[in-house]
Amino acid sequence: MEKITCVCEQTFSVEPLKEIDLDMDTNLIKDILNGRFMVYKCPSCGTELKLEFPVRIIQKTRKIELFFIPERDRSAMLRDKLPYPVSGDPGYIVGYPELVEKLTIFEYGLDDRTVELLKYHLLSHALETADAEREIHIYFNGKKEGNLVFHIDGIRENELGVSRIPEETYQKAEKGLAGSLSEEPLKSILSPPYISINKVYREDKP
């Protein structure tokens, strides 16, 4: 059990799930993508609290085995000092936005390493134009009209950038993936269990 303190100062207990099977409950994918996963209602005032707890996510039909790490534990994960065990050999995702993105990638039948490769090139370009102190976030948002759509936040204040990459570019990147795996920093970025540009880009950030 975990003790939660609401904004109304009421403390109550919740029992977070330790594992979810997306094949057993198909509504879970919808809940995650809609931001309704791990939402707990305060029994006193009714406020809905969006929380993050470690949880294993599996879906055997798609060969998905992921371990969700709360954003608060990102630094500990990067230092190999997580305060809880991660059994087996699942892939890692850190923070709710990465969870939504990863499932969106799989929903479209894409390779997550290739998507991160494209994001790396988008990030490299964005860093050339953004202020040095700004933190940039890039997430795959889906496909539209033959393009992969990415949202880029942080280049300018209160602006969300949108980048569209043709599927042909994705396919070309996928074919050349083996070569990318031999080069740094891409080798580190695309190596499991944590496949993400945030592994390198945010490793020095609090």
Foldseek 3Di string as FASTA:
>chain_A
DDWDQDPVRDIDDDDDEAEDECVVPVCVLVCLLVQNPCWDADPPPRDTDRDDDWHWYHYVVLGATEIEAEQVCPQCVLVVNDPDDDPDFHAYAYHSLRVNQVVQCVVVPHDPLLVQVVVVVVVVVLCVQADPPWDKDKGFDHDDPQWTWIWIPTRDPPDIDIDTHGVVVSVVSVVCVVVQCVDPPSVVCCDDSYNHPCSPRVNPPD
